[in-house]
Amino acid sequence: MTKADIFSKGMPSAISIFLASFGPNLQIARKRRKLSLQQVADKLGIGVRSVMDAEKGKPTTAVSTYLGLLWVYGMLNNMKEIANPLKDSEGMRLEAARKRKPIKSEYDNDF
């Protein structure tokens, strides 16, 4: 299955919901800074259409575009905690469960 096939069947609703607010939030950030689409696109070295797509929350927009916009708006530092291994409680729980070894007792073979 190709990447395009994954999205053609629909994406998880959590992603759709996130992008539906994330894109417009980026647009608000740009407007508050009184930046035009062209100014932002020029700073990132991308086309205006890519900025517009990101502001619409289009799922096929490159992650680098989203991160670039956060950088332009001075919001990239907020992303440092995303996927931080020290904050991944589920991953740490699973890792700890795999590392546990059954305790062997000297009495295990008595029966």
Protein backbone atom coordinates (compact mmCIF):
# COMPACT_ATOMS: atom_id res chain seq x y z
CA MET A 1 0.00 0.00 0.00
CA THR A 2 1.42 3.38 -0.96
CA LYS A 3 1.33 6.49 1.20
CA ALA A 4 -1.36 8.01 -1.01
CA ASP A 5 -3.58 4.97 -0.43
CA ILE A 6 -3.46 5.48 3.34
CA PHE A 7 -4.93 8.98 3.08
CA SER A 8 -7.34 8.09 0.27
CA LYS A 9 -9.19 5.79 2.67
CA GLY A 10 -9.41 8.56 5.24
CA MET A 11 -7.17 9.49 8.09
CA PRO A 12 -7.83 9.02 11.79
CA SER A 13 -10.33 11.58 13.01
CA ALA A 14 -7.90 12.81 15.68
CA ILE A 15 -5.55 14.00 12.91
CA SER A 16 -8.36 15.66 10.97
CA ILE A 17 -9.58 17.46 14.08
CA PHE A 18 -6.05 18.60 14.96
CA LEU A 19 -5.33 19.94 11.46
CA ALA A 20 -8.71 21.70 11.32
CA SER A 21 -7.60 23.93 14.19
CA PHE A 22 -3.82 23.92 13.69
CA GLY A 23 -3.99 25.42 10.18
CA PRO A 24 -6.24 28.34 11.14
CA ASN A 25 -4.12 28.92 14.26
CA LEU A 26 -1.10 29.37 11.99
CA GLN A 27 -3.06 31.88 9.95
CA ILE A 28 -3.94 33.84 13.10
CA ALA A 29 -0.26 33.82 14.13
CA ARG A 30 0.74 35.21 10.71
CA LYS A 31 -1.91 37.93 10.75
CA ARG A 32 -1.05 39.00 14.30
CA ARG A 33 2.51 39.55 13.12
CA LYS A 34 1.18 41.52 10.14
CA LEU A 35 2.97 39.26 7.68
CA SER A 36 1.70 38.60 4.19
CA LEU A 37 1.56 35.14 2.66
CA GLN A 38 4.30 36.23 0.28
CA GLN A 39 6.59 37.45 3.09
CA VAL A 40 6.28 34.15 4.94
CA ALA A 41 6.75 32.10 1.79
CA ASP A 42 9.84 34.12 0.85
CA LYS A 43 11.37 33.69 4.30
CA LEU A 44 10.94 29.91 4.05
CA GLY A 45 11.84 29.65 0.38
CA ILE A 46 8.54 27.99 -0.51
CA GLY A 47 5.54 28.95 -2.58
CA VAL A 48 2.58 30.95 -1.35
CA ARG A 49 0.36 27.95 -2.13
CA SER A 50 2.23 25.85 0.46
CA VAL A 51 1.61 28.47 3.14
CA MET A 52 -2.05 28.64 2.15
CA ASP A 53 -2.35 24.85 2.27
CA ALA A 54 -0.83 24.77 5.74
CA GLU A 55 -3.22 27.46 6.94
CA LYS A 56 -6.08 25.30 5.65
CA GLY A 57 -4.72 22.33 7.59
CA LYS A 58 -4.24 20.31 4.42
CA PRO A 59 -2.93 16.86 5.44
CA THR A 60 -0.62 16.50 2.44
CA THR A 61 1.33 19.65 3.34
CA ALA A 62 4.92 18.80 4.25
CA VAL A 63 5.76 18.64 7.93
CA SER A 64 8.73 20.89 7.16
CA THR A 65 6.27 23.58 6.02
CA TYR A 66 4.36 23.40 9.29
CA LEU A 67 7.59 23.50 11.30
CA GLY A 68 8.94 26.31 9.14
CA LEU A 69 5.86 28.39 9.84
CA LEU A 70 6.26 27.82 13.57
CA TRP A 71 9.88 28.94 13.25
CA VAL A 72 8.93 32.12 11.37
CA TYR A 73 6.40 32.96 14.07
CA GLY A 74 8.84 32.26 16.91
CA MET A 75 6.79 29.31 18.12
CA LEU A 76 9.13 26.42 17.33
CA ASN A 77 10.45 26.16 20.90
CA ASN A 78 7.00 24.97 21.94
CA MET A 79 7.59 21.86 19.82
CA LYS A 80 10.58 20.62 21.84
CA GLU A 81 8.40 18.52 24.12
CA ILE A 82 6.69 16.65 21.32
CA ALA A 83 7.84 13.03 21.29
CA ASN A 84 10.25 13.72 24.17
CA PRO A 85 11.28 10.23 25.33
CA LEU A 86 11.34 11.41 28.94
CA LYS A 87 7.66 12.41 28.71
CA ASP A 88 6.50 9.25 26.91
CA SER A 89 4.86 7.50 29.84
CA GLU A 90 3.24 4.82 27.65
CA GLY A 91 6.52 4.01 25.90
CA MET A 92 8.42 3.90 29.20
CA ARG A 93 5.79 1.57 30.68
CA LEU A 94 6.06 -0.80 27.72
CA GLU A 95 9.86 -0.73 27.83
CA ALA A 96 9.87 -1.48 31.55
CA ALA A 97 7.48 -4.40 31.05
CA ARG A 98 9.81 -5.93 28.44
CA LYS A 99 12.83 -5.56 30.71
CA ARG A 100 11.22 -7.38 33.63
CA LYS A 101 12.47 -10.92 33.93
CA PRO A 102 10.75 -13.63 35.90
CA ILE A 103 12.48 -14.32 39.19
CA LYS A 104 13.79 -17.87 39.34
CA SER A 105 13.61 -19.55 42.64
CA GLU A 106 15.77 -22.41 43.83
CA TYR A 107 12.49 -24.19 44.59
CA ASP A 108 11.12 -24.03 41.01
CA ASN A 109 12.14 -27.63 40.22
CA ASP A 110 10.91 -29.22 43.44
CA PHE A 111 7.72 -30.65 41.96
